[in-house]
């Protein structure tokens, strides 16, 4: 057997996050101990850090909500623009119609300016 098994690429982010979490937990425990040496009860220190964590979680959820809402409006706007008929100019074509040769839309309406009875 090998002494140190090879770490897979997919395990690396989990190990990195685990080391980070352990580091944060260690610093939190040191901060609670420091607060205890300053005369603040340990339970108050633990509650204080739970309040800080909940506040940061709420802040993260708040930012994620507005980001998701912005993304939703962006997708809805893109969908509306894709399915709208704003490009009427592209649907016009030059052809001979019931009012003579001119620029007609898909409903057989002549769109170009000009008098069909004008001989010139």
Protein backbone atom coordinates (compact mmCIF):
# COMPACT_ATOMS: atom_id res chain seq x y z
CA UNK A 1 0.00 0.00 0.00
CA UNK A 2 1.04 3.55 -0.61
CA UNK A 3 1.77 5.66 2.43
CA UNK A 4 -0.13 8.69 1.11
CA UNK A 5 -3.05 8.08 -1.25
CA UNK A 6 -3.39 10.48 -4.15
CA UNK A 7 -5.98 13.20 -3.61
CA UNK A 8 -8.47 13.48 -6.46
CA UNK A 9 -9.11 16.80 -8.13
CA UNK A 10 -12.74 16.71 -7.02
CA UNK A 11 -11.68 16.34 -3.36
CA UNK A 12 -9.43 19.39 -3.35
CA UNK A 13 -12.16 22.06 -3.00
CA UNK A 14 -13.75 20.11 -0.14
CA UNK A 15 -10.45 19.79 1.67
CA UNK A 16 -9.73 23.48 1.09
CA UNK A 17 -13.15 24.48 2.50
CA UNK A 18 -12.69 22.10 5.44
CA UNK A 19 -9.31 23.63 6.32
CA UNK A 20 -10.82 27.09 6.05
CA UNK A 21 -13.75 26.15 8.29
CA UNK A 22 -11.41 24.63 10.89
CA UNK A 23 -9.32 27.80 10.83
CA UNK A 24 -12.35 30.01 11.35
CA UNK A 25 -13.61 27.76 14.16
CA UNK A 26 -10.18 27.86 15.83
CA UNK A 27 -10.03 31.66 15.65
CA UNK A 28 -13.59 31.88 16.97
CA UNK A 29 -12.66 29.69 19.95
CA UNK A 30 -9.60 31.85 20.61
CA UNK A 31 -11.75 35.00 20.44
CA UNK A 32 -14.27 33.50 22.89
CA UNK A 33 -11.41 32.63 25.25
CA UNK A 34 -10.03 36.15 24.94
CA UNK A 35 -13.46 37.60 25.74
CA UNK A 36 -13.62 35.29 28.78
CA UNK A 37 -10.28 36.66 30.00
CA UNK A 38 -11.72 40.16 29.66
CA UNK A 39 -14.56 39.22 32.05
CA UNK A 40 -17.33 38.36 29.58
CA UNK A 41 -19.01 34.98 30.25
CA UNK A 42 -18.31 32.23 27.71
CA UNK A 43 -21.99 31.82 26.87
CA UNK A 44 -22.29 35.51 26.02
CA UNK A 45 -19.27 35.20 23.72
CA UNK A 46 -20.77 32.18 21.96
CA UNK A 47 -24.13 33.95 21.54
CA UNK A 48 -22.33 37.01 20.20
CA UNK A 49 -20.60 34.97 17.51
CA UNK A 50 -23.84 33.18 16.61
CA UNK A 51 -25.48 36.58 16.15
CA UNK A 52 -22.58 37.68 13.92
CA UNK A 53 -22.90 34.48 11.85
CA UNK A 54 -26.67 34.92 11.48
CA UNK A 55 -26.19 38.55 10.49
CA UNK A 56 -23.65 37.58 7.81
CA UNK A 57 -25.95 34.82 6.56
CA UNK A 58 -28.83 37.31 6.33
CA UNK A 59 -26.61 39.75 4.46
CA UNK A 60 -25.57 37.02 2.04
CA UNK A 61 -29.18 35.98 1.44
CA UNK A 62 -30.19 39.62 0.93
CA UNK A 63 -27.50 40.13 -1.70
CA UNK A 64 -28.36 36.81 -3.37
CA UNK A 65 -32.04 37.81 -3.50
CA UNK A 66 -31.31 41.07 -5.31
CA UNK A 67 -28.85 39.38 -7.64
CA UNK A 68 -31.44 36.71 -8.50
CA UNK A 69 -34.10 39.37 -9.04
CA UNK A 70 -31.78 41.32 -11.33
CA UNK A 71 -30.97 38.14 -13.23
CA UNK A 72 -34.68 37.32 -13.52
CA UNK A 73 -35.47 40.77 -14.94
CA UNK A 74 -32.56 40.45 -17.37
CA UNK A 75 -33.76 37.07 -18.64
CA UNK A 76 -37.36 38.30 -18.88
CA UNK A 77 -36.25 41.41 -20.78
CA UNK A 78 -34.17 39.35 -23.19
CA UNK A 79 -37.09 36.98 -23.76
CA UNK A 80 -39.47 39.89 -24.40
CA UNK A 81 -37.05 41.48 -26.86
CA UNK A 82 -36.55 38.18 -28.64
CA UNK A 83 -40.27 37.57 -29.07
CA UNK A 84 -41.35 41.14 -29.86
CA UNK A 85 -42.16 42.51 -33.29
CA UNK A 86 -39.95 45.58 -33.06
CA UNK A 87 -38.34 44.85 -36.41
CA UNK A 88 -41.17 45.86 -38.73
CA UNK A 89 -38.62 47.19 -41.21
CA UNK A 90 -37.25 43.68 -41.76
CA UNK A 91 -40.69 42.37 -42.73
CA UNK A 92 -41.17 44.93 -45.50
CA UNK A 93 -40.40 44.00 -49.06
CA UNK A 94 -40.44 45.69 -52.45
CA UNK A 95 -43.02 44.16 -54.79
CA UNK A 96 -45.92 44.78 -57.12
CA UNK A 97 -49.11 45.01 -55.07
CA UNK A 98 -52.71 46.26 -55.34
CA UNK A 99 -51.47 49.90 -55.21
CA UNK A 100 -48.65 49.41 -57.71
CA UNK A 101 -44.99 48.76 -57.17
CA UNK A 102 -43.82 49.72 -53.68
CA UNK A 103 -42.79 48.69 -50.20
CA UNK A 104 -45.41 46.35 -48.68
CA UNK A 105 -45.71 44.73 -45.28
CA UNK A 106 -47.04 41.23 -44.54
CA UNK A 107 -50.63 42.56 -44.38
CA UNK A 108 -50.49 43.89 -47.95
CA UNK A 109 -50.33 47.53 -46.83
CA UNK A 110 -48.12 49.83 -48.85
CA UNK A 111 -45.61 51.55 -46.54
CA UNK A 112 -43.58 53.76 -48.84
CA UNK A 113 -44.54 57.33 -49.45
CA UNK A 114 -45.77 58.02 -52.90
CA UNK A 115 -48.93 58.44 -54.92
CA UNK A 116 -49.89 55.27 -56.81
CA UNK A 117 -51.77 57.42 -59.40
CA UNK A 118 -48.72 59.56 -60.14
CA UNK A 119 -47.58 58.71 -63.73
CA UNK A 120 -43.94 59.77 -63.18
